[in-house]
């Protein structure tokens, strides 16, 4: 269901109740969709389906064998003069 902002403000408890029982509730501003009110259960379902930033970084592109070999074969000595 779509709610105008003023109606959603005046009947917020009803908006929340309907989000919990009937699904997402759309709130409009000047006739355009502005926000969607979700139940906590719907929100949790959406979040569970998305990887976290850490997951995305750890699951980044795979390194080919030549690149892995080049990285592991590099000199392990410091690249700077320790006197500085």
Protein backbone atom coordinates (compact mmCIF):
# COMPACT_ATOMS: atom_id res chain seq x y z
CA UNK A 1 0.00 0.00 0.00
CA UNK A 2 1.13 3.56 -0.67
CA UNK A 3 0.85 6.25 1.98
CA UNK A 4 1.25 9.98 1.55
CA UNK A 5 3.83 11.29 4.00
CA UNK A 6 1.31 13.27 6.06
CA UNK A 7 -0.96 10.22 6.40
CA UNK A 8 1.99 7.99 7.30
CA UNK A 9 3.05 10.44 10.02
CA UNK A 10 -0.46 10.63 11.45
CA UNK A 11 -1.02 6.86 11.33
CA UNK A 12 2.50 5.58 11.87
CA UNK A 13 1.43 2.73 14.14
CA UNK A 14 -0.96 1.54 11.42
CA UNK A 15 1.82 1.77 8.81
CA UNK A 16 4.05 -0.36 11.04
CA UNK A 17 1.27 -2.86 11.76
CA UNK A 18 0.51 -3.26 8.05
CA UNK A 19 4.21 -3.62 7.24
CA UNK A 20 4.34 -6.50 9.72
CA UNK A 21 1.17 -8.22 8.48
CA UNK A 22 0.72 -7.23 4.82
CA UNK A 23 4.24 -6.53 3.59
CA UNK A 24 6.24 -3.45 2.67
CA UNK A 25 4.48 -0.08 2.89
CA UNK A 26 5.48 2.68 0.45
CA UNK A 27 5.52 6.29 1.64
CA UNK A 28 5.30 8.99 -1.02
CA UNK A 29 6.35 12.63 -0.99
CA UNK A 30 4.62 14.86 -3.52
CA UNK A 31 3.34 11.75 -5.30
CA UNK A 32 6.75 10.11 -5.71
CA UNK A 33 8.03 7.07 -3.81
CA UNK A 34 10.34 8.21 -1.03
CA UNK A 35 10.76 5.33 1.42
CA UNK A 36 9.55 1.81 2.11
CA UNK A 37 8.67 0.63 5.62
CA UNK A 38 9.56 -3.04 6.10
CA UNK A 39 8.96 -5.49 8.89
CA UNK A 40 12.08 -6.54 10.78
CA UNK A 41 11.64 -10.03 9.33
CA UNK A 42 11.59 -8.72 5.74
CA UNK A 43 14.62 -6.53 6.45
CA UNK A 44 16.57 -9.43 7.96
CA UNK A 45 15.76 -11.58 4.92
CA UNK A 46 17.12 -8.90 2.60
CA UNK A 47 20.28 -8.46 4.66
CA UNK A 48 20.92 -12.19 4.88
CA UNK A 49 20.89 -12.50 1.11
CA UNK A 50 23.65 -9.90 0.65
CA UNK A 51 27.30 -10.56 1.38
CA UNK A 52 29.00 -8.22 3.84
CA UNK A 53 31.81 -5.95 2.70
CA UNK A 54 34.29 -8.33 4.32
CA UNK A 55 32.79 -11.28 2.43
CA UNK A 56 32.96 -9.35 -0.83
CA UNK A 57 36.61 -8.40 -0.27
CA UNK A 58 37.65 -11.89 0.78
CA UNK A 59 35.80 -13.40 -2.15
CA UNK A 60 37.45 -11.03 -4.64
CA UNK A 61 38.90 -11.98 -7.98
CA UNK A 62 40.94 -15.16 -8.14
CA UNK A 63 44.66 -14.86 -8.77
CA UNK A 64 46.06 -16.80 -11.68
CA UNK A 65 49.01 -19.13 -11.03
CA UNK A 66 51.59 -16.82 -12.64
CA UNK A 67 50.61 -13.93 -10.38
CA UNK A 68 50.72 -16.09 -7.24
CA UNK A 69 54.15 -17.34 -8.22
CA UNK A 70 55.41 -13.79 -8.84
CA UNK A 71 54.16 -12.59 -5.46
CA UNK A 72 55.62 -15.51 -3.51
CA UNK A 73 58.95 -15.36 -5.37
CA UNK A 74 59.66 -11.69 -4.66
CA UNK A 75 62.56 -10.73 -2.44
CA UNK A 76 61.59 -10.80 1.24
CA UNK A 77 64.18 -8.19 2.27
CA UNK A 78 62.95 -4.67 3.11
CA UNK A 79 62.82 -2.37 0.12
CA UNK A 80 64.10 0.63 2.11
CA UNK A 81 67.45 1.23 3.75
CA UNK A 82 66.85 0.68 7.50
CA UNK A 83 69.26 3.56 8.28
CA UNK A 84 66.54 6.09 7.42
